[in-house]
PDB file of all heavy atoms in Angstrom:
ATOM      1  N   GLY A   1      -5.880  10.787  -8.396  1.00  0.00           N
ATOM      2  CA  GLY A   1      -7.195  10.453  -8.908  1.00  0.00           C
ATOM      3  C   GLY A   1      -8.256  10.354  -7.841  1.00  0.00           C
ATOM      4  O   GLY A   1      -9.354   9.855  -8.106  1.00  0.00           O
ATOM      5  N   SER A   2      -7.973  10.824  -6.620  1.00  0.00           N
ATOM      6  CA  SER A   2      -8.955  10.796  -5.546  1.00  0.00           C
ATOM      7  C   SER A   2      -9.836  12.040  -5.611  1.00  0.00           C
ATOM      8  O   SER A   2      -9.520  13.018  -6.287  1.00  0.00           O
ATOM      9  CB  SER A   2      -8.268  10.732  -4.178  1.00  0.00           C
ATOM     10  OG  SER A   2      -7.463   9.581  -4.069  1.00  0.00           O
ATOM     11  N   ASP A   3     -10.927  11.995  -4.871  1.00  0.00           N
ATOM     12  CA  ASP A   3     -11.816  13.142  -4.774  1.00  0.00           C
ATOM     13  C   ASP A   3     -11.299  14.046  -3.665  1.00  0.00           C
ATOM     14  O   ASP A   3     -11.344  13.669  -2.486  1.00  0.00           O
ATOM     15  CB  ASP A   3     -13.234  12.677  -4.466  1.00  0.00           C
ATOM     16  CG  ASP A   3     -14.218  13.843  -4.406  1.00  0.00           C
ATOM     17  OD1 ASP A   3     -13.794  14.988  -4.645  1.00  0.00           O
ATOM     18  OD2 ASP A   3     -15.401  13.608  -4.105  1.00  0.00           O
ATOM     19  N   PRO A   4     -10.812  15.250  -3.989  1.00  0.00           N
ATOM     20  CA  PRO A   4     -10.275  16.123  -2.940  1.00  0.00           C
ATOM     21  C   PRO A   4     -11.298  16.483  -1.879  1.00  0.00           C
ATOM     22  O   PRO A   4     -10.937  16.824  -0.759  1.00  0.00           O
ATOM     23  CB  PRO A   4      -9.821  17.369  -3.713  1.00  0.00           C
ATOM     24  CG  PRO A   4      -9.621  16.902  -5.122  1.00  0.00           C
ATOM     25  CD  PRO A   4     -10.657  15.829  -5.329  1.00  0.00           C
ATOM     26  N   ALA A   5     -12.596  16.390  -2.226  1.00  0.00           N
ATOM     27  CA  ALA A   5     -13.631  16.764  -1.267  1.00  0.00           C
ATOM     28  C   ALA A   5     -13.663  15.832  -0.065  1.00  0.00           C
ATOM     29  O   ALA A   5     -14.245  16.174   0.971  1.00  0.00           O
ATOM     30  CB  ALA A   5     -14.994  16.777  -1.952  1.00  0.00           C
ATOM     31  N   THR A   6     -13.062  14.646  -0.175  1.00  0.00           N
ATOM     32  CA  THR A   6     -13.043  13.721   0.954  1.00  0.00           C
ATOM     33  C   THR A   6     -12.118  14.192   2.066  1.00  0.00           C
ATOM     34  O   THR A   6     -12.190  13.691   3.190  1.00  0.00           O
ATOM     35  CB  THR A   6     -12.596  12.326   0.493  1.00  0.00           C
ATOM     36  OG1 THR A   6     -11.259  12.400  -0.039  1.00  0.00           O
ATOM     37  CG2 THR A   6     -13.531  11.793  -0.582  1.00  0.00           C
ATOM     38  N   GLY A   7     -11.218  15.127   1.735  1.00  0.00           N
ATOM     39  CA  GLY A   7     -10.319  15.656   2.750  1.00  0.00           C
ATOM     40  C   GLY A   7      -9.084  14.825   2.979  1.00  0.00           C
ATOM     41  O   GLY A   7      -8.307  15.109   3.887  1.00  0.00           O
ATOM     42  N   THR A   8      -8.870  13.780   2.192  1.00  0.00           N
ATOM     43  CA  THR A   8      -7.675  12.950   2.328  1.00  0.00           C
ATOM     44  C   THR A   8      -7.000  12.811   0.974  1.00  0.00           C
ATOM     45  O   THR A   8      -7.601  13.061  -0.068  1.00  0.00           O
ATOM     46  CB  THR A   8      -8.012  11.551   2.869  1.00  0.00           C
ATOM     47  OG1 THR A   8      -8.748  10.824   1.871  1.00  0.00           O
ATOM     48  CG2 THR A   8      -8.833  11.644   4.146  1.00  0.00           C
ATOM     49  N   ALA A   9      -5.750  12.377   1.014  1.00  0.00           N
ATOM     50  CA  ALA A   9      -4.991  12.170  -0.224  1.00  0.00           C
ATOM     51  C   ALA A   9      -4.800  10.688  -0.501  1.00  0.00           C
ATOM     52  O   ALA A   9      -3.883  10.306  -1.224  1.00  0.00           O
ATOM     53  CB  ALA A   9      -3.640  12.869  -0.131  1.00  0.00           C
ATOM     54  N   ASP A  10      -5.650   9.837   0.082  1.00  0.00           N
ATOM     55  CA  ASP A  10      -5.523   8.399  -0.135  1.00  0.00           C
ATOM     56  C   ASP A  10      -5.837   8.045  -1.584  1.00  0.00           C
ATOM     57  O   ASP A  10      -6.588   8.740  -2.279  1.00  0.00           O
ATOM     58  CB  ASP A  10      -6.482   7.640   0.787  1.00  0.00           C
ATOM     59  CG  ASP A  10      -6.095   7.774   2.250  1.00  0.00           C
ATOM     60  OD1 ASP A  10      -4.908   8.029   2.514  1.00  0.00           O
ATOM     61  OD2 ASP A  10      -6.984   7.635   3.115  1.00  0.00           O
ATOM     62  N   TRP A  11      -5.251   6.913  -2.028  1.00  0.00           N
ATOM     63  CA  TRP A  11      -5.582   6.400  -3.353  1.00  0.00           C
ATOM     64  C   TRP A  11      -7.067   6.030  -3.388  1.00  0.00           C
ATOM     65  O   TRP A  11      -7.616   5.561  -2.396  1.00  0.00           O
ATOM     66  CB  TRP A  11      -4.752   5.168  -3.664  1.00  0.00           C
ATOM     67  CG  TRP A  11      -3.296   5.433  -3.901  1.00  0.00           C
ATOM     68  CD1 TRP A  11      -2.270   5.217  -3.040  1.00  0.00           C
ATOM     69  CD2 TRP A  11      -2.712   5.959  -5.092  1.00  0.00           C
ATOM     70  NE1 TRP A  11      -1.070   5.585  -3.606  1.00  0.00           N
ATOM     71  CE2 TRP A  11      -1.307   6.039  -4.874  1.00  0.00           C
ATOM     72  CE3 TRP A  11      -3.216   6.375  -6.326  1.00  0.00           C
ATOM     73  CZ2 TRP A  11      -0.424   6.516  -5.829  1.00  0.00           C
ATOM     74  CZ3 TRP A  11      -2.323   6.844  -7.289  1.00  0.00           C
ATOM     75  CH2 TRP A  11      -0.955   6.906  -7.046  1.00  0.00           C
ATOM     76  N   PRO A  12      -7.727   6.223  -4.528  1.00  0.00           N
ATOM     77  CA  PRO A  12      -9.156   5.867  -4.598  1.00  0.00           C
ATOM     78  C   PRO A  12      -9.404   4.367  -4.473  1.00  0.00           C
ATOM     79  O   PRO A  12     -10.490   3.950  -4.099  1.00  0.00           O
ATOM     80  CB  PRO A  12      -9.583   6.393  -5.975  1.00  0.00           C
ATOM     81  CG  PRO A  12      -8.318   6.492  -6.765  1.00  0.00           C
ATOM     82  CD  PRO A  12      -7.248   6.835  -5.780  1.00  0.00           C
ATOM     83  N   CYS A  13      -8.405   3.541  -4.786  1.00  0.00           N
ATOM     84  CA  CYS A  13      -8.552   2.090  -4.681  1.00  0.00           C
ATOM     85  C   CYS A  13      -7.426   1.545  -3.799  1.00  0.00           C
ATOM     86  O   CYS A  13      -6.247   1.692  -4.130  1.00  0.00           O
ATOM     87  CB  CYS A  13      -8.495   1.425  -6.071  1.00  0.00           C
ATOM     88  SG  CYS A  13      -9.753   2.028  -7.223  1.00  0.00           S
ATOM     89  N   GLN A  14      -7.778   0.928  -2.680  1.00  0.00           N
ATOM     90  CA  GLN A  14      -6.800   0.344  -1.774  1.00  0.00           C
ATOM     91  C   GLN A  14      -7.190  -1.085  -1.460  1.00  0.00           C
ATOM     92  O   GLN A  14      -8.359  -1.368  -1.177  1.00  0.00           O
ATOM     93  CB  GLN A  14      -6.706   1.142  -0.467  1.00  0.00           C
ATOM     94  CG  GLN A  14      -6.121   2.527  -0.641  1.00  0.00           C
ATOM     95  CD  GLN A  14      -5.723   3.141   0.688  1.00  0.00           C
ATOM     96  OE1 GLN A  14      -4.970   2.556   1.460  1.00  0.00           O
ATOM     97  NE2 GLN A  14      -6.243   4.330   0.961  1.00  0.00           N
ATOM     98  N   GLY A  15      -6.214  -1.970  -1.539  1.00  0.00           N
ATOM     99  CA  GLY A  15      -6.477  -3.383  -1.295  1.00  0.00           C
ATOM    100  C   GLY A  15      -5.436  -4.000  -0.391  1.00  0.00           C
ATOM    101  O   GLY A  15      -4.362  -3.437  -0.180  1.00  0.00           O
ATOM    102  N   GLU A  16      -5.772  -5.186   0.112  1.00  0.00           N
ATOM    103  CA  GLU A  16      -4.872  -5.905   1.014  1.00  0.00           C
ATOM    104  C   GLU A  16      -4.693  -7.326   0.498  1.00  0.00           C
ATOM    105  O   GLU A  16      -5.663  -8.004   0.144  1.00  0.00           O
ATOM    106  CB  GLU A  16      -5.457  -5.941   2.427  1.00  0.00           C
ATOM    107  CG  GLU A  16      -4.580  -6.665   3.435  1.00  0.00           C
ATOM    108  CD  GLU A  16      -5.178  -6.632   4.831  1.00  0.00           C
ATOM    109  OE1 GLU A  16      -6.058  -5.789   5.083  1.00  0.00           O
ATOM    110  OE2 GLU A  16      -4.765  -7.470   5.669  1.00  0.00           O
ATOM    111  N   VAL A  17      -3.436  -7.762   0.427  1.00  0.00           N
ATOM    112  CA  VAL A  17      -3.129  -9.104  -0.063  1.00  0.00           C
ATOM    113  C   VAL A  17      -2.052  -9.719   0.824  1.00  0.00           C
ATOM    114  O   VAL A  17      -1.407  -9.024   1.618  1.00  0.00           O
ATOM    115  CB  VAL A  17      -2.624  -9.072  -1.528  1.00  0.00           C
ATOM    116  CG1 VAL A  17      -3.674  -8.493  -2.451  1.00  0.00           C
ATOM    117  CG2 VAL A  17      -1.313  -8.313  -1.632  1.00  0.00           C
ATOM    118  N   ILE A  18      -1.881 -11.034   0.654  1.00  0.00           N
ATOM    119  CA  ILE A  18      -0.768 -11.746   1.268  1.00  0.00           C
ATOM    120  C   ILE A  18       0.133 -12.227   0.136  1.00  0.00           C
ATOM    121  O   ILE A  18      -0.318 -12.926  -0.774  1.00  0.00           O
ATOM    122  CB  ILE A  18      -1.250 -12.927   2.116  1.00  0.00           C
ATOM    123  CG1 ILE A  18      -2.058 -12.405   3.308  1.00  0.00           C
ATOM    124  CG2 ILE A  18      -0.064 -13.763   2.598  1.00  0.00           C
ATOM    125  CD1 ILE A  18      -2.668 -13.510   4.155  1.00  0.00           C
ATOM    126  N   LEU A  19       1.380 -11.794   0.172  1.00  0.00           N
ATOM    127  CA  LEU A  19       2.355 -12.187  -0.826  1.00  0.00           C
ATOM    128  C   LEU A  19       3.233 -13.298  -0.277  1.00  0.00           C
ATOM    129  O   LEU A  19       3.633 -13.266   0.890  1.00  0.00           O
ATOM    130  CB  LEU A  19       3.241 -10.996  -1.206  1.00  0.00           C
ATOM    131  CG  LEU A  19       2.641  -9.893  -2.089  1.00  0.00           C
ATOM    132  CD1 LEU A  19       3.677  -8.812  -2.318  1.00  0.00           C
ATOM    133  CD2 LEU A  19       2.151 -10.438  -3.406  1.00  0.00           C
ATOM    134  N   HIS A  20       3.542 -14.263  -1.102  1.00  0.00           N
ATOM    135  CA  HIS A  20       4.442 -15.342  -0.700  1.00  0.00           C
ATOM    136  C   HIS A  20       5.879 -14.905  -0.960  1.00  0.00           C
ATOM    137  O   HIS A  20       6.598 -15.476  -1.782  1.00  0.00           O
ATOM    138  CB  HIS A  20       4.088 -16.623  -1.454  1.00  0.00           C
ATOM    139  CG  HIS A  20       2.809 -17.233  -0.987  1.00  0.00           C
ATOM    140  ND1 HIS A  20       2.640 -18.590  -0.818  1.00  0.00           N
ATOM    141  CD2 HIS A  20       1.619 -16.673  -0.619  1.00  0.00           C
ATOM    142  CE1 HIS A  20       1.419 -18.842  -0.394  1.00  0.00           C
ATOM    143  NE2 HIS A  20       0.778 -17.685  -0.269  1.00  0.00           N
ATOM    144  N   LEU A  21       6.275 -13.863  -0.260  1.00  0.00           N
ATOM    145  CA  LEU A  21       7.620 -13.318  -0.316  1.00  0.00           C
ATOM    146  C   LEU A  21       7.968 -12.752   1.065  1.00  0.00           C
ATOM    147  O   LEU A  21       7.069 -12.292   1.785  1.00  0.00           O
ATOM    148  CB  LEU A  21       7.730 -12.185  -1.343  1.00  0.00           C
ATOM    149  CG  LEU A  21       7.841 -12.533  -2.829  1.00  0.00           C
ATOM    150  CD1 LEU A  21       7.811 -11.255  -3.654  1.00  0.00           C
ATOM    151  CD2 LEU A  21       9.114 -13.317  -3.110  1.00  0.00           C
ATOM    152  N   PRO A  22       9.225 -12.761   1.448  1.00  0.00           N
ATOM    153  CA  PRO A  22       9.611 -12.099   2.696  1.00  0.00           C
ATOM    154  C   PRO A  22       9.364 -10.597   2.596  1.00  0.00           C
ATOM    155  O   PRO A  22       9.498  -9.997   1.526  1.00  0.00           O
ATOM    156  CB  PRO A  22      11.107 -12.402   2.828  1.00  0.00           C
ATOM    157  CG  PRO A  22      11.350 -13.569   1.919  1.00  0.00           C
ATOM    158  CD  PRO A  22      10.362 -13.436   0.798  1.00  0.00           C
ATOM    159  N   ALA A  23       9.011  -9.976   3.691  1.00  0.00           N
ATOM    160  CA  ALA A  23       8.758  -8.534   3.700  1.00  0.00           C
ATOM    161  C   ALA A  23       9.983  -7.752   3.256  1.00  0.00           C
ATOM    162  O   ALA A  23       9.875  -6.711   2.601  1.00  0.00           O
ATOM    163  CB  ALA A  23       8.325  -8.098   5.096  1.00  0.00           C
ATOM    164  N   ALA A  24      11.178  -8.268   3.584  1.00  0.00           N
ATOM    165  CA  ALA A  24      12.412  -7.572   3.208  1.00  0.00           C
ATOM    166  C   ALA A  24      12.599  -7.513   1.700  1.00  0.00           C
ATOM    167  O   ALA A  24      13.266  -6.604   1.192  1.00  0.00           O
ATOM    168  CB  ALA A  24      13.612  -8.261   3.859  1.00  0.00           C
ATOM    169  N   ASP A  25      12.011  -8.465   0.957  1.00  0.00           N
ATOM    170  CA  ASP A  25      12.131  -8.460  -0.510  1.00  0.00           C
ATOM    171  C   ASP A  25      11.104  -7.528  -1.153  1.00  0.00           C
ATOM    172  O   ASP A  25      11.252  -7.158  -2.322  1.00  0.00           O
ATOM    173  CB  ASP A  25      11.943  -9.876  -1.063  1.00  0.00           C
ATOM    174  CG  ASP A  25      13.079 -10.812  -0.669  1.00  0.00           C
ATOM    175  OD1 ASP A  25      14.108 -10.307  -0.163  1.00  0.00           O
ATOM    176  OD2 ASP A  25      12.928 -12.030  -0.845  1.00  0.00           O
ATOM    177  N   VAL A  26      10.071  -7.167  -0.406  1.00  0.00           N
ATOM    178  CA  VAL A  26       8.994  -6.344  -0.955  1.00  0.00           C
ATOM    179  C   VAL A  26       9.195  -4.867  -0.628  1.00  0.00           C
ATOM    180  O   VAL A  26       8.966  -3.990  -1.459  1.00  0.00           O
ATOM    181  CB  VAL A  26       7.629  -6.824  -0.422  1.00  0.00           C
ATOM    182  CG1 VAL A  26       6.495  -5.914  -0.907  1.00  0.00           C
ATOM    183  CG2 VAL A  26       7.376  -8.268  -0.846  1.00  0.00           C
ATOM    184  N   ALA A  27       9.642  -4.574   0.597  1.00  0.00           N
ATOM    185  CA  ALA A  27       9.716  -3.199   1.090  1.00  0.00           C
ATOM    186  C   ALA A  27      10.506  -2.254   0.193  1.00  0.00           C
ATOM    187  O   ALA A  27      10.096  -1.105  -0.010  1.00  0.00           O
ATOM    188  CB  ALA A  27      10.288  -3.189   2.506  1.00  0.00           C
ATOM    189  N   PRO A  28      11.650  -2.663  -0.398  1.00  0.00           N
ATOM    190  CA  PRO A  28      12.411  -1.697  -1.216  1.00  0.00           C
ATOM    191  C   PRO A  28      11.675  -1.176  -2.442  1.00  0.00           C
ATOM    192  O   PRO A  28      12.072  -0.157  -3.009  1.00  0.00           O
ATOM    193  CB  PRO A  28      13.662  -2.498  -1.623  1.00  0.00           C
ATOM    194  CG  PRO A  28      13.788  -3.568  -0.595  1.00  0.00           C
ATOM    195  CD  PRO A  28      12.385  -3.932  -0.241  1.00  0.00           C
ATOM    196  N   TYR A  29      10.622  -1.862  -2.862  1.00  0.00           N
ATOM    197  CA  TYR A  29       9.929  -1.482  -4.086  1.00  0.00           C
ATOM    198  C   TYR A  29       8.612  -0.771  -3.814  1.00  0.00           C
ATOM    199  O   TYR A  29       7.814  -0.564  -4.724  1.00  0.00           O
ATOM    200  CB  TYR A  29       9.688  -2.719  -4.946  1.00  0.00           C
ATOM    201  CG  TYR A  29      10.956  -3.459  -5.265  1.00  0.00           C
ATOM    202  CD1 TYR A  29      11.333  -4.594  -4.546  1.00  0.00           C
ATOM    203  CD2 TYR A  29      11.825  -2.992  -6.250  1.00  0.00           C
ATOM    204  CE1 TYR A  29      12.513  -5.263  -4.820  1.00  0.00           C
ATOM    205  CE2 TYR A  29      13.016  -3.651  -6.523  1.00  0.00           C
ATOM    206  CZ  TYR A  29      13.352  -4.787  -5.802  1.00  0.00           C
ATOM    207  OH  TYR A  29      14.531  -5.434  -6.060  1.00  0.00           O
ATOM    208  N   LEU A  30       8.359  -0.397  -2.561  1.00  0.00           N
ATOM    209  CA  LEU A  30       7.137   0.308  -2.199  1.00  0.00           C
ATOM    210  C   LEU A  30       7.428   1.782  -2.009  1.00  0.00           C
ATOM    211  O   LEU A  30       8.445   2.166  -1.441  1.00  0.00           O
ATOM    212  CB  LEU A  30       6.553  -0.255  -0.904  1.00  0.00           C
ATOM    213  CG  LEU A  30       6.117  -1.721  -0.925  1.00  0.00           C
ATOM    214  CD1 LEU A  30       5.559  -2.106   0.439  1.00  0.00           C
ATOM    215  CD2 LEU A  30       5.080  -1.968  -2.011  1.00  0.00           C
ATOM    216  N   ARG A  31       6.505   2.603  -2.467  1.00  0.00           N
ATOM    217  CA  ARG A  31       6.657   4.040  -2.254  1.00  0.00           C
ATOM    218  C   ARG A  31       5.807   4.489  -1.068  1.00  0.00           C
ATOM    219  O   ARG A  31       6.255   5.258  -0.234  1.00  0.00           O
ATOM    220  CB  ARG A  31       6.236   4.805  -3.507  1.00  0.00           C
ATOM    221  CG  ARG A  31       7.067   4.443  -4.732  1.00  0.00           C
ATOM    222  CD  ARG A  31       6.767   5.330  -5.892  1.00  0.00           C
ATOM    223  NE  ARG A  31       7.161   6.708  -5.645  1.00  0.00           N
ATOM    224  CZ  ARG A  31       7.078   7.676  -6.551  1.00  0.00           C
ATOM    225  NH1 ARG A  31       6.618   7.407  -7.758  1.00  0.00           N
ATOM    226  NH2 ARG A  31       7.461   8.897  -6.268  1.00  0.00           N
ATOM    227  N   ASP A  32       4.555   4.027  -1.011  1.00  0.00           N
ATOM    228  CA  ASP A  32       3.692   4.449   0.084  1.00  0.00           C
ATOM    229  C   ASP A  32       2.793   3.320   0.583  1.00  0.00           C
ATOM    230  O   ASP A  32       1.770   3.563   1.200  1.00  0.00           O
ATOM    231  CB  ASP A  32       2.825   5.645  -0.333  1.00  0.00           C
ATOM    232  CG  ASP A  32       2.056   5.374  -1.617  1.00  0.00           C
ATOM    233  OD1 ASP A  32       2.108   4.233  -2.113  1.00  0.00           O
ATOM    234  OD2 ASP A  32       1.403   6.297  -2.129  1.00  0.00           O
ATOM    235  N   GLY A  33       3.166   2.078   0.299  1.00  0.00           N
ATOM    236  CA  GLY A  33       2.397   0.943   0.803  1.00  0.00           C
ATOM    237  C   GLY A  33       2.841   0.566   2.214  1.00  0.00           C
ATOM    238  O   GLY A  33       3.799   1.103   2.767  1.00  0.00           O
ATOM    239  N   ILE A  34       2.123  -0.383   2.805  1.00  0.00           N
ATOM    240  CA  ILE A  34       2.433  -0.890   4.139  1.00  0.00           C
ATOM    241  C   ILE A  34       2.672  -2.387   4.029  1.00  0.00           C
ATOM    242  O   ILE A  34       1.814  -3.122   3.510  1.00  0.00           O
ATOM    243  CB  ILE A  34       1.278  -0.607   5.126  1.00  0.00           C
ATOM    244  CG1 ILE A  34       1.028   0.908   5.232  1.00  0.00           C
ATOM    245  CG2 ILE A  34       1.598  -1.180   6.501  1.00  0.00           C
ATOM    246  CD1 ILE A  34      -0.183   1.251   6.071  1.00  0.00           C
ATOM    247  N   VAL A  35       3.813  -2.840   4.502  1.00  0.00           N
ATOM    248  CA  VAL A  35       4.147  -4.258   4.437  1.00  0.00           C
ATOM    249  C   VAL A  35       4.412  -4.759   5.849  1.00  0.00           C
ATOM    250  O   VAL A  35       5.027  -4.070   6.663  1.00  0.00           O
ATOM    251  CB  VAL A  35       5.374  -4.500   3.515  1.00  0.00           C
ATOM    252  CG1 VAL A  35       6.604  -3.789   4.033  1.00  0.00           C
ATOM    253  CG2 VAL A  35       5.634  -5.994   3.364  1.00  0.00           C
ATOM    254  N   GLU A  36       3.923  -5.975   6.141  1.00  0.00           N
ATOM    255  CA  GLU A  36       4.054  -6.565   7.475  1.00  0.00           C
ATOM    256  C   GLU A  36       4.508  -8.020   7.339  1.00  0.00           C
ATOM    257  O   GLU A  36       3.918  -8.802   6.579  1.00  0.00           O
ATOM    258  CB  GLU A  36       2.711  -6.500   8.212  1.00  0.00           C
ATOM    259  CG  GLU A  36       2.703  -7.195   9.555  1.00  0.00           C
ATOM    260  CD  GLU A  36       1.309  -7.290  10.132  1.00  0.00           C
ATOM    261  OE1 GLU A  36       0.351  -6.811   9.487  1.00  0.00           O
ATOM    262  OE2 GLU A  36       1.170  -7.867  11.225  1.00  0.00           O
ATOM    263  N   GLU A  37       5.538  -8.368   8.071  1.00  0.00           N
ATOM    264  CA  GLU A  37       6.061  -9.738   8.038  1.00  0.00           C
ATOM    265  C   GLU A  37       5.067 -10.672   8.729  1.00  0.00           C
ATOM    266  O   GLU A  37       4.598 -10.420   9.838  1.00  0.00           O
ATOM    267  CB  GLU A  37       7.410  -9.797   8.752  1.00  0.00           C
ATOM    268  CG  GLU A  37       8.099 -11.145   8.640  1.00  0.00           C
ATOM    269  CD  GLU A  37       8.661 -11.385   7.246  1.00  0.00           C
ATOM    270  OE1 GLU A  37       9.413 -10.547   6.744  1.00  0.00           O
ATOM    271  OE2 GLU A  37       8.325 -12.437   6.675  1.00  0.00           O
ATOM    272  N   LEU A  38       4.724 -11.797   8.060  1.00  0.00           N
ATOM    273  CA  LEU A  38       3.802 -12.790   8.636  1.00  0.00           C
ATOM    274  C   LEU A  38       4.510 -14.076   9.037  1.00  0.00           C
ATOM    275  O   LEU A  38       3.955 -14.867   9.786  1.00  0.00           O
ATOM    276  CB  LEU A  38       2.679 -13.118   7.639  1.00  0.00           C
ATOM    277  CG  LEU A  38       1.704 -11.991   7.315  1.00  0.00           C
ATOM    278  CD1 LEU A  38       0.645 -12.493   6.346  1.00  0.00           C
ATOM    279  CD2 LEU A  38       1.046 -11.455   8.584  1.00  0.00           C
TER     280      LEU A  38
END
């Protein structure tokens, strides 16, 4: 659903949150997200 004219394949909506879960519990369910242990 992105605009191809931008030259990237990024999602049109990207956000950043802090989850109250260990990164190891989140990573297996991500396809193309970025998770960082805090």
